[in-house]
PDB file of all heavy atoms in Angstrom:
ATOM      1  N   VAL A   1       0.248 135.252  86.412  1.00  0.00           N
ATOM      2  CA  VAL A   1      -0.204 133.915  86.805  1.00  0.00           C
ATOM      3  C   VAL A   1       1.015 133.084  87.208  1.00  0.00           C
ATOM      4  O   VAL A   1       2.009 133.010  86.484  1.00  0.00           O
ATOM      5  CB  VAL A   1      -0.999 133.233  85.668  1.00  0.00           C
ATOM      6  CG1 VAL A   1      -0.183 133.108  84.380  1.00  0.00           C
ATOM      7  CG2 VAL A   1      -1.525 131.875  86.116  1.00  0.00           C
ATOM      8  N   SER A   2       0.946 132.486  88.382  1.00  0.00           N
ATOM      9  CA  SER A   2       2.039 131.623  88.843  1.00  0.00           C
ATOM     10  C   SER A   2       1.582 130.174  88.807  1.00  0.00           C
ATOM     11  O   SER A   2       0.387 129.874  88.924  1.00  0.00           O
ATOM     12  CB  SER A   2       2.468 132.009  90.262  1.00  0.00           C
ATOM     13  OG  SER A   2       1.433 131.758  91.194  1.00  0.00           O
ATOM     14  N   TYR A   3       2.549 129.274  88.659  1.00  0.00           N
ATOM     15  CA  TYR A   3       2.221 127.848  88.563  1.00  0.00           C
ATOM     16  C   TYR A   3       3.480 127.014  88.762  1.00  0.00           C
ATOM     17  O   TYR A   3       4.608 127.482  88.564  1.00  0.00           O
ATOM     18  CB  TYR A   3       1.594 127.527  87.198  1.00  0.00           C
ATOM     19  CG  TYR A   3       2.351 128.078  86.015  1.00  0.00           C
ATOM     20  CD1 TYR A   3       3.303 127.315  85.331  1.00  0.00           C
ATOM     21  CD2 TYR A   3       2.127 129.386  85.578  1.00  0.00           C
ATOM     22  CE1 TYR A   3       4.009 127.839  84.244  1.00  0.00           C
ATOM     23  CE2 TYR A   3       2.823 129.913  84.496  1.00  0.00           C
ATOM     24  CZ  TYR A   3       3.758 129.141  83.839  1.00  0.00           C
ATOM     25  OH  TYR A   3       4.454 129.664  82.778  1.00  0.00           O
ATOM     26  N   ASN A   4       3.270 125.773  89.173  1.00  0.00           N
ATOM     27  CA  ASN A   4       4.383 124.830  89.236  1.00  0.00           C
ATOM     28  C   ASN A   4       4.838 124.519  87.821  1.00  0.00           C
ATOM     29  O   ASN A   4       4.010 124.300  86.928  1.00  0.00           O
ATOM     30  CB  ASN A   4       3.963 123.548  89.947  1.00  0.00           C
ATOM     31  CG  ASN A   4       3.958 123.697  91.445  1.00  0.00           C
ATOM     32  OD1 ASN A   4       4.511 124.655  91.989  1.00  0.00           O
ATOM     33  ND2 ASN A   4       3.325 122.761  92.144  1.00  0.00           N
ATOM     34  N   ALA A   5       6.145 124.507  87.625  1.00  0.00           N
ATOM     35  CA  ALA A   5       6.689 124.413  86.270  1.00  0.00           C
ATOM     36  C   ALA A   5       7.440 123.109  86.035  1.00  0.00           C
ATOM     37  O   ALA A   5       8.014 122.508  86.959  1.00  0.00           O
ATOM     38  CB  ALA A   5       7.621 125.604  86.008  1.00  0.00           C
ATOM     39  N   LEU A   6       7.429 122.711  84.780  1.00  0.00           N
ATOM     40  CA  LEU A   6       8.229 121.579  84.312  1.00  0.00           C
ATOM     41  C   LEU A   6       9.483 122.115  83.623  1.00  0.00           C
ATOM     42  O   LEU A   6       9.452 123.205  83.062  1.00  0.00           O
ATOM     43  CB  LEU A   6       7.416 120.727  83.332  1.00  0.00           C
ATOM     44  CG  LEU A   6       6.164 120.060  83.917  1.00  0.00           C
ATOM     45  CD1 LEU A   6       5.376 119.380  82.801  1.00  0.00           C
ATOM     46  CD2 LEU A   6       6.544 119.059  84.994  1.00  0.00           C
ATOM     47  N   PRO A   7      10.595 121.370  83.704  1.00  0.00           N
ATOM     48  CA  PRO A   7      10.717 120.004  84.224  1.00  0.00           C
ATOM     49  C   PRO A   7      11.022 119.919  85.711  1.00  0.00           C
ATOM     50  O   PRO A   7      11.075 118.829  86.270  1.00  0.00           O
ATOM     51  CB  PRO A   7      11.885 119.447  83.423  1.00  0.00           C
ATOM     52  CG  PRO A   7      12.780 120.631  83.230  1.00  0.00           C
ATOM     53  CD  PRO A   7      11.854 121.800  83.015  1.00  0.00           C
ATOM     54  N   GLY A   8      11.250 121.038  86.396  1.00  0.00           N
ATOM     55  CA  GLY A   8      11.711 120.989  87.772  1.00  0.00           C
ATOM     56  C   GLY A   8      10.800 120.232  88.714  1.00  0.00           C
ATOM     57  O   GLY A   8      11.269 119.551  89.628  1.00  0.00           O
ATOM     58  N   CYS A   9       9.477 120.316  88.489  1.00  0.00           N
ATOM     59  CA  CYS A   9       8.550 119.671  89.408  1.00  0.00           C
ATOM     60  C   CYS A   9       8.499 118.154  89.256  1.00  0.00           C
ATOM     61  O   CYS A   9       7.874 117.481  90.078  1.00  0.00           O
ATOM     62  CB  CYS A   9       7.149 120.266  89.249  1.00  0.00           C
ATOM     63  SG  CYS A   9       6.888 121.680  90.355  1.00  0.00           S
ATOM     64  N   ARG A  10       9.130 117.639  88.221  1.00  0.00           N
ATOM     65  CA  ARG A  10       9.175 116.173  88.112  1.00  0.00           C
ATOM     66  C   ARG A  10       9.938 115.585  89.297  1.00  0.00           C
ATOM     67  O   ARG A  10       9.601 114.499  89.795  1.00  0.00           O
ATOM     68  CB  ARG A  10       9.809 115.753  86.796  1.00  0.00           C
ATOM     69  CG  ARG A  10       9.002 116.190  85.576  1.00  0.00           C
ATOM     70  CD  ARG A  10       9.340 115.399  84.336  1.00  0.00           C
ATOM     71  NE  ARG A  10       8.753 115.989  83.150  1.00  0.00           N
ATOM     72  CZ  ARG A  10       7.478 115.868  82.775  1.00  0.00           C
ATOM     73  NH1 ARG A  10       6.645 115.169  83.529  1.00  0.00           N
ATOM     74  NH2 ARG A  10       7.036 116.437  81.667  1.00  0.00           N
ATOM     75  N   LEU A  11      10.986 116.262  89.758  1.00  0.00           N
ATOM     76  CA  LEU A  11      11.722 115.796  90.933  1.00  0.00           C
ATOM     77  C   LEU A  11      10.851 115.920  92.184  1.00  0.00           C
ATOM     78  O   LEU A  11      10.834 115.027  93.033  1.00  0.00           O
ATOM     79  CB  LEU A  11      13.009 116.607  91.101  1.00  0.00           C
ATOM     80  CG  LEU A  11      14.014 116.522  89.951  1.00  0.00           C
ATOM     81  CD1 LEU A  11      15.260 117.331  90.285  1.00  0.00           C
ATOM     82  CD2 LEU A  11      14.395 115.072  89.694  1.00  0.00           C
ATOM     83  N   ARG A  12      10.143 117.030  92.305  1.00  0.00           N
ATOM     84  CA  ARG A  12       9.257 117.232  93.455  1.00  0.00           C
ATOM     85  C   ARG A  12       8.181 116.157  93.501  1.00  0.00           C
ATOM     86  O   ARG A  12       7.787 115.688  94.580  1.00  0.00           O
ATOM     87  CB  ARG A  12       8.631 118.616  93.352  1.00  0.00           C
ATOM     88  CG  ARG A  12       7.650 118.973  94.439  1.00  0.00           C
ATOM     89  CD  ARG A  12       7.193 120.418  94.276  1.00  0.00           C
ATOM     90  NE  ARG A  12       6.168 120.774  95.238  1.00  0.00           N
ATOM     91  CZ  ARG A  12       5.728 122.012  95.420  1.00  0.00           C
ATOM     92  NH1 ARG A  12       6.226 122.997  94.693  1.00  0.00           N
ATOM     93  NH2 ARG A  12       4.779 122.270  96.306  1.00  0.00           N
ATOM     94  N   ASP A  13       7.725 115.721  92.332  1.00  0.00           N
ATOM     95  CA  ASP A  13       6.643 114.749  92.276  1.00  0.00           C
ATOM     96  C   ASP A  13       7.079 113.360  92.724  1.00  0.00           C
ATOM     97  O   ASP A  13       6.238 112.525  93.070  1.00  0.00           O
ATOM     98  CB  ASP A  13       6.063 114.684  90.865  1.00  0.00           C
ATOM     99  CG  ASP A  13       5.141 115.858  90.569  1.00  0.00           C
ATOM    100  OD1 ASP A  13       4.757 116.563  91.528  1.00  0.00           O
ATOM    101  OD2 ASP A  13       4.815 116.081  89.387  1.00  0.00           O
ATOM    102  N   LEU A  14       8.395 113.085  92.723  1.00  0.00           N
ATOM    103  CA  LEU A  14       8.846 111.795  93.237  1.00  0.00           C
ATOM    104  C   LEU A  14       8.471 111.656  94.705  1.00  0.00           C
ATOM    105  O   LEU A  14       7.993 110.609  95.151  1.00  0.00           O
ATOM    106  CB  LEU A  14      10.367 111.654  93.065  1.00  0.00           C
ATOM    107  CG  LEU A  14      10.894 111.653  91.628  1.00  0.00           C
ATOM    108  CD1 LEU A  14      12.417 111.560  91.616  1.00  0.00           C
ATOM    109  CD2 LEU A  14      10.288 110.502  90.833  1.00  0.00           C
ATOM    110  N   ALA A  15       8.701 112.728  95.463  1.00  0.00           N
ATOM    111  CA  ALA A  15       8.313 112.722  96.873  1.00  0.00           C
ATOM    112  C   ALA A  15       6.800 112.801  97.022  1.00  0.00           C
ATOM    113  O   ALA A  15       6.209 112.187  97.927  1.00  0.00           O
ATOM    114  CB  ALA A  15       8.982 113.884  97.592  1.00  0.00           C
ATOM    115  N   ARG A  16       6.172 113.557  96.158  1.00  0.00           N
ATOM    116  CA  ARG A  16       4.716 113.715  96.232  1.00  0.00           C
ATOM    117  C   ARG A  16       4.017 112.377  96.003  1.00  0.00           C
ATOM    118  O   ARG A  16       2.998 112.082  96.643  1.00  0.00           O
ATOM    119  CB  ARG A  16       4.296 114.742  95.180  1.00  0.00           C
ATOM    120  CG  ARG A  16       2.870 115.212  95.298  1.00  0.00           C
ATOM    121  CD  ARG A  16       2.664 116.506  94.521  1.00  0.00           C
ATOM    122  NE  ARG A  16       1.260 116.755  94.300  1.00  0.00           N
ATOM    123  CZ  ARG A  16       0.587 116.457  93.187  1.00  0.00           C
ATOM    124  NH1 ARG A  16       1.237 115.913  92.165  1.00  0.00           N
ATOM    125  NH2 ARG A  16      -0.687 116.710  93.080  1.00  0.00           N
ATOM    126  N   ASP A  17       4.559 111.545  95.106  1.00  0.00           N
ATOM    127  CA  ASP A  17       3.980 110.216  94.870  1.00  0.00           C
ATOM    128  C   ASP A  17       3.965 109.396  96.156  1.00  0.00           C
ATOM    129  O   ASP A  17       2.985 108.694  96.453  1.00  0.00           O
ATOM    130  CB  ASP A  17       4.786 109.475  93.797  1.00  0.00           C
ATOM    131  CG  ASP A  17       4.559 110.032  92.403  1.00  0.00           C
ATOM    132  OD1 ASP A  17       3.569 110.761  92.200  1.00  0.00           O
ATOM    133  OD2 ASP A  17       5.394 109.757  91.519  1.00  0.00           O
ATOM    134  N   VAL A  18       5.056 109.475  96.916  1.00  0.00           N
ATOM    135  CA  VAL A  18       5.136 108.747  98.188  1.00  0.00           C
ATOM    136  C   VAL A  18       4.054 109.245  99.145  1.00  0.00           C
ATOM    137  O   VAL A  18       3.322 108.454  99.760  1.00  0.00           O
ATOM    138  CB  VAL A  18       6.535 108.926  98.820  1.00  0.00           C
ATOM    139  CG1 VAL A  18       6.551 108.379 100.255  1.00  0.00           C
ATOM    140  CG2 VAL A  18       7.596 108.246  97.968  1.00  0.00           C
ATOM    141  N   MET A  19       3.936 110.559  99.270  1.00  0.00           N
ATOM    142  CA  MET A  19       2.998 111.127 100.241  1.00  0.00           C
ATOM    143  C   MET A  19       1.545 110.907  99.838  1.00  0.00           C
ATOM    144  O   MET A  19       0.693 110.629 100.688  1.00  0.00           O
ATOM    145  CB  MET A  19       3.302 112.615 100.421  1.00  0.00           C
ATOM    146  CG  MET A  19       4.649 112.882 101.073  1.00  0.00           C
ATOM    147  SD  MET A  19       4.929 114.627 101.508  1.00  0.00           S
ATOM    148  CE  MET A  19       5.120 115.350  99.864  1.00  0.00           C
ATOM    149  N   LEU A  20       1.251 111.011  98.546  1.00  0.00           N
ATOM    150  CA  LEU A  20      -0.129 110.796  98.095  1.00  0.00           C
ATOM    151  C   LEU A  20      -0.542 109.335  98.263  1.00  0.00           C
ATOM    152  O   LEU A  20      -1.692 109.038  98.626  1.00  0.00           O
ATOM    153  CB  LEU A  20      -0.285 111.221  96.635  1.00  0.00           C
ATOM    154  CG  LEU A  20      -0.265 112.728  96.371  1.00  0.00           C
ATOM    155  CD1 LEU A  20      -0.331 113.010  94.872  1.00  0.00           C
ATOM    156  CD2 LEU A  20      -1.424 113.423  97.090  1.00  0.00           C
ATOM    157  N   TYR A  21       0.386 108.419  98.048  1.00  0.00           N
ATOM    158  CA  TYR A  21       0.070 106.994  98.237  1.00  0.00           C
ATOM    159  C   TYR A  21      -0.203 106.708  99.710  1.00  0.00           C
ATOM    160  O   TYR A  21      -1.178 106.037 100.065  1.00  0.00           O
ATOM    161  CB  TYR A  21       1.219 106.126  97.737  1.00  0.00           C
ATOM    162  CG  TYR A  21       0.984 104.657  97.978  1.00  0.00           C
ATOM    163  CD1 TYR A  21       0.063 103.944  97.199  1.00  0.00           C
ATOM    164  CD2 TYR A  21       1.646 103.976  98.998  1.00  0.00           C
ATOM    165  CE1 TYR A  21      -0.177 102.596  97.426  1.00  0.00           C
ATOM    166  CE2 TYR A  21       1.418 102.635  99.234  1.00  0.00           C
ATOM    167  CZ  TYR A  21       0.505 101.948  98.453  1.00  0.00           C
ATOM    168  OH  TYR A  21       0.265 100.606  98.686  1.00  0.00           O
ATOM    169  N   ALA A  22       0.644 107.265 100.573  1.00  0.00           N
ATOM    170  CA  ALA A  22       0.503 107.002 102.003  1.00  0.00           C
ATOM    171  C   ALA A  22      -0.779 107.584 102.579  1.00  0.00           C
ATOM    172  O   ALA A  22      -1.315 107.068 103.569  1.00  0.00           O
ATOM    173  CB  ALA A  22       1.713 107.554 102.756  1.00  0.00           C
ATOM    174  N   THR A  23      -1.278 108.648 101.982  1.00  0.00           N
ATOM    175  CA  THR A  23      -2.458 109.340 102.532  1.00  0.00           C
ATOM    176  C   THR A  23      -3.720 109.084 101.711  1.00  0.00           C
ATOM    177  O   THR A  23      -4.715 109.804 101.861  1.00  0.00           O
ATOM    178  CB  THR A  23      -2.203 110.855 102.594  1.00  0.00           C
ATOM    179  OG1 THR A  23      -1.895 111.348 101.269  1.00  0.00           O
ATOM    180  CG2 THR A  23      -1.037 111.187 103.523  1.00  0.00           C
ATOM    181  N   ARG A  24      -3.700 108.074 100.867  1.00  0.00           N
ATOM    182  CA  ARG A  24      -4.817 107.857  99.943  1.00  0.00           C
ATOM    183  C   ARG A  24      -6.136 107.602 100.674  1.00  0.00           C
ATOM    184  O   ARG A  24      -7.223 107.896 100.149  1.00  0.00           O
ATOM    185  CB  ARG A  24      -4.510 106.714  98.967  1.00  0.00           C
ATOM    186  CG  ARG A  24      -4.348 105.356  99.635  1.00  0.00           C
ATOM    187  CD  ARG A  24      -3.698 104.344  98.676  1.00  0.00           C
ATOM    188  NE  ARG A  24      -3.625 103.006  99.262  1.00  0.00           N
ATOM    189  CZ  ARG A  24      -2.703 102.631 100.150  1.00  0.00           C
ATOM    190  NH1 ARG A  24      -1.800 103.510 100.570  1.00  0.00           N
ATOM    191  NH2 ARG A  24      -2.697 101.395 100.614  1.00  0.00           N
ATOM    192  N   ASP A  25      -6.071 107.048 101.897  1.00  0.00           N
ATOM    193  CA  ASP A  25      -7.294 106.778 102.652  1.00  0.00           C
ATOM    194  C   ASP A  25      -7.410 107.660 103.897  1.00  0.00           C
ATOM    195  O   ASP A  25      -8.233 107.392 104.773  1.00  0.00           O
ATOM    196  CB  ASP A  25      -7.331 105.301 103.080  1.00  0.00           C
ATOM    197  CG  ASP A  25      -7.383 104.363 101.876  1.00  0.00           C
ATOM    198  OD1 ASP A  25      -8.085 104.704 100.904  1.00  0.00           O
ATOM    199  OD2 ASP A  25      -6.712 103.321 101.914  1.00  0.00           O
ATOM    200  N   VAL A  26      -6.585 108.708 103.973  1.00  0.00           N
ATOM    201  CA  VAL A  26      -6.593 109.609 105.122  1.00  0.00           C
ATOM    202  C   VAL A  26      -7.213 110.932 104.685  1.00  0.00           C
ATOM    203  O   VAL A  26      -6.742 111.553 103.726  1.00  0.00           O
ATOM    204  CB  VAL A  26      -5.164 109.853 105.658  1.00  0.00           C
ATOM    205  CG1 VAL A  26      -5.199 110.779 106.877  1.00  0.00           C
ATOM    206  CG2 VAL A  26      -4.485 108.533 106.014  1.00  0.00           C
ATOM    207  N   HIS A  27      -8.233 111.396 105.396  1.00  0.00           N
ATOM    208  CA  HIS A  27      -8.958 112.578 104.951  1.00  0.00           C
ATOM    209  C   HIS A  27      -8.879 113.747 105.932  1.00  0.00           C
ATOM    210  O   HIS A  27      -9.011 114.904 105.519  1.00  0.00           O
ATOM    211  CB  HIS A  27     -10.429 112.223 104.700  1.00  0.00           C
ATOM    212  CG  HIS A  27     -10.593 111.109 103.705  1.00  0.00           C
ATOM    213  ND1 HIS A  27     -10.278 111.245 102.372  1.00  0.00           N
ATOM    214  CD2 HIS A  27     -11.009 109.820 103.874  1.00  0.00           C
ATOM    215  CE1 HIS A  27     -10.508 110.093 101.735  1.00  0.00           C
ATOM    216  NE2 HIS A  27     -10.947 109.216 102.627  1.00  0.00           N
ATOM    217  N   GLU A  28      -8.692 113.490 107.220  1.00  0.00           N
ATOM    218  CA  GLU A  28      -8.595 114.562 108.209  1.00  0.00           C
ATOM    219  C   GLU A  28      -7.292 115.324 107.974  1.00  0.00           C
ATOM    220  O   GLU A  28      -6.217 114.717 107.892  1.00  0.00           O
ATOM    221  CB  GLU A  28      -8.621 113.972 109.620  1.00  0.00           C
ATOM    222  CG  GLU A  28      -8.949 114.987 110.696  1.00  0.00           C
ATOM    223  CD  GLU A  28      -7.723 115.812 111.085  1.00  0.00           C
ATOM    224  OE1 GLU A  28      -6.617 115.241 111.126  1.00  0.00           O
ATOM    225  OE2 GLU A  28      -7.872 117.020 111.338  1.00  0.00           O
ATOM    226  N   PRO A  29      -7.359 116.649 107.799  1.00  0.00           N
ATOM    227  CA  PRO A  29      -6.178 117.418 107.364  1.00  0.00           C
ATOM    228  C   PRO A  29      -4.927 117.239 108.217  1.00  0.00           C
ATOM    229  O   PRO A  29      -3.849 116.981 107.684  1.00  0.00           O
ATOM    230  CB  PRO A  29      -6.680 118.867 107.408  1.00  0.00           C
ATOM    231  CG  PRO A  29      -8.145 118.758 107.162  1.00  0.00           C
ATOM    232  CD  PRO A  29      -8.556 117.509 107.856  1.00  0.00           C
ATOM    233  N   GLU A  30      -5.042 117.365 109.545  1.00  0.00           N
ATOM    234  CA  GLU A  30      -3.845 117.262 110.384  1.00  0.00           C
ATOM    235  C   GLU A  30      -3.231 115.871 110.298  1.00  0.00           C
ATOM    236  O   GLU A  30      -2.005 115.722 110.235  1.00  0.00           O
ATOM    237  CB  GLU A  30      -4.192 117.605 111.838  1.00  0.00           C
ATOM    238  CG  GLU A  30      -4.475 119.085 112.059  1.00  0.00           C
ATOM    239  CD  GLU A  30      -4.654 119.409 113.533  1.00  0.00           C
ATOM    240  OE1 GLU A  30      -4.391 118.521 114.379  1.00  0.00           O
ATOM    241  OE2 GLU A  30      -5.073 120.544 113.835  1.00  0.00           O
ATOM    242  N   GLU A  31      -4.078 114.861 110.311  1.00  0.00           N
ATOM    243  CA  GLU A  31      -3.574 113.495 110.214  1.00  0.00           C
ATOM    244  C   GLU A  31      -2.973 113.243 108.835  1.00  0.00           C
ATOM    245  O   GLU A  31      -1.962 112.537 108.700  1.00  0.00           O
ATOM    246  CB  GLU A  31      -4.712 112.502 110.489  1.00  0.00           C
ATOM    247  CG  GLU A  31      -4.302 111.034 110.450  1.00  0.00           C
ATOM    248  CD  GLU A  31      -3.335 110.635 111.564  1.00  0.00           C
ATOM    249  OE1 GLU A  31      -3.042 111.465 112.448  1.00  0.00           O
ATOM    250  OE2 GLU A  31      -2.857 109.479 111.528  1.00  0.00           O
ATOM    251  N   ARG A  32      -3.563 113.825 107.835  1.00  0.00           N
ATOM    252  CA  ARG A  32      -3.050 113.667 106.467  1.00  0.00           C
ATOM    253  C   ARG A  32      -1.629 114.229 106.360  1.00  0.00           C
ATOM    254  O   ARG A  32      -0.752 113.605 105.772  1.00  0.00           O
ATOM    255  CB  ARG A  32      -3.996 114.393 105.503  1.00  0.00           C
ATOM    256  CG  ARG A  32      -3.741 114.155 104.031  1.00  0.00           C
ATOM    257  CD  ARG A  32      -4.922 114.688 103.219  1.00  0.00           C
ATOM    258  NE  ARG A  32      -4.612 114.735 101.803  1.00  0.00           N
ATOM    259  CZ  ARG A  32      -4.656 113.690 100.984  1.00  0.00           C
ATOM    260  NH1 ARG A  32      -4.999 112.495 101.466  1.00  0.00           N
ATOM    261  NH2 ARG A  32      -4.368 113.813  99.711  1.00  0.00           N
ATOM    262  N   VAL A  33      -1.413 115.394 106.950  1.00  0.00           N
ATOM    263  CA  VAL A  33      -0.076 115.994 106.928  1.00  0.00           C
ATOM    264  C   VAL A  33       0.901 115.152 107.739  1.00  0.00           C
ATOM    265  O   VAL A  33       2.044 114.912 107.311  1.00  0.00           O
ATOM    266  CB  VAL A  33      -0.140 117.434 107.479  1.00  0.00           C
ATOM    267  CG1 VAL A  33       1.259 117.990 107.706  1.00  0.00           C
ATOM    268  CG2 VAL A  33      -0.899 118.336 106.503  1.00  0.00           C
ATOM    269  N   ARG A  34       0.480 114.680 108.917  1.00  0.00           N
ATOM    270  CA  ARG A  34       1.367 113.881 109.770  1.00  0.00           C
ATOM    271  C   ARG A  34       1.795 112.603 109.057  1.00  0.00           C
ATOM    272  O   ARG A  34       2.984 112.236 109.032  1.00  0.00           O
ATOM    273  CB  ARG A  34       0.660 113.537 111.077  1.00  0.00           C
ATOM    274  CG  ARG A  34       1.573 112.836 112.097  1.00  0.00           C
ATOM    275  CD  ARG A  34       0.777 112.199 113.224  1.00  0.00           C
ATOM    276  NE  ARG A  34      -0.032 111.081 112.767  1.00  0.00           N
ATOM    277  CZ  ARG A  34       0.470 109.857 112.495  1.00  0.00           C
ATOM    278  NH1 ARG A  34       1.775 109.617 112.624  1.00  0.00           N
ATOM    279  NH2 ARG A  34      -0.332 108.890 112.090  1.00  0.00           N
ATOM    280  N   VAL A  35       0.831 111.908 108.460  1.00  0.00           N
ATOM    281  CA  VAL A  35       1.128 110.652 107.766  1.00  0.00           C
ATOM    282  C   VAL A  35       2.049 110.916 106.574  1.00  0.00           C
ATOM    283  O   VAL A  35       2.978 110.148 106.312  1.00  0.00           O
ATOM    284  CB  VAL A  35      -0.177 109.959 107.323  1.00  0.00           C
ATOM    285  CG1 VAL A  35       0.120 108.782 106.390  1.00  0.00           C
ATOM    286  CG2 VAL A  35      -0.958 109.481 108.542  1.00  0.00           C
ATOM    287  N   ALA A  36       1.791 111.996 105.847  1.00  0.00           N
ATOM    288  CA  ALA A  36       2.613 112.314 104.675  1.00  0.00           C
ATOM    289  C   ALA A  36       4.072 112.561 105.080  1.00  0.00           C
ATOM    290  O   ALA A  36       5.006 112.045 104.445  1.00  0.00           O
ATOM    291  CB  ALA A  36       2.053 113.542 103.968  1.00  0.00           C
ATOM    292  N   ARG A  37       4.283 113.356 106.110  1.00  0.00           N
ATOM    293  CA  ARG A  37       5.661 113.640 106.558  1.00  0.00           C
ATOM    294  C   ARG A  37       6.354 112.363 107.024  1.00  0.00           C
ATOM    295  O   ARG A  37       7.531 112.127 106.701  1.00  0.00           O
ATOM    296  CB  ARG A  37       5.639 114.671 107.682  1.00  0.00           C
ATOM    297  CG  ARG A  37       5.276 116.098 107.241  1.00  0.00           C
ATOM    298  CD  ARG A  37       5.529 117.077 108.367  1.00  0.00           C
ATOM    299  NE  ARG A  37       5.094 118.430 108.084  1.00  0.00           N
ATOM    300  CZ  ARG A  37       5.800 119.321 107.394  1.00  0.00           C
ATOM    301  NH1 ARG A  37       6.982 118.985 106.898  1.00  0.00           N
ATOM    302  NH2 ARG A  37       5.324 120.543 107.198  1.00  0.00           N
ATOM    303  N   ALA A  38       5.645 111.557 107.790  1.00  0.00           N
ATOM    304  CA  ALA A  38       6.245 110.321 108.303  1.00  0.00           C
ATOM    305  C   ALA A  38       6.592 109.370 107.165  1.00  0.00           C
ATOM    306  O   ALA A  38       7.660 108.733 107.177  1.00  0.00           O
ATOM    307  CB  ALA A  38       5.288 109.660 109.294  1.00  0.00           C
ATOM    308  N   ALA A  39       5.696 109.254 106.189  1.00  0.00           N
ATOM    309  CA  ALA A  39       5.950 108.343 105.070  1.00  0.00           C
ATOM    310  C   ALA A  39       7.153 108.788 104.257  1.00  0.00           C
ATOM    311  O   ALA A  39       8.010 107.967 103.895  1.00  0.00           O
ATOM    312  CB  ALA A  39       4.707 108.268 104.189  1.00  0.00           C
TER     313      ALA A  39
END
């Protein structure tokens, strides 16, 4: 079984917080990825 591990993913989640906030109202997959990268 593979999984994202702690504590290393805490650093990854700093960026993920930015992307999830920026895409909170975006649902179309391609647009969601574009907005996340730009943010």
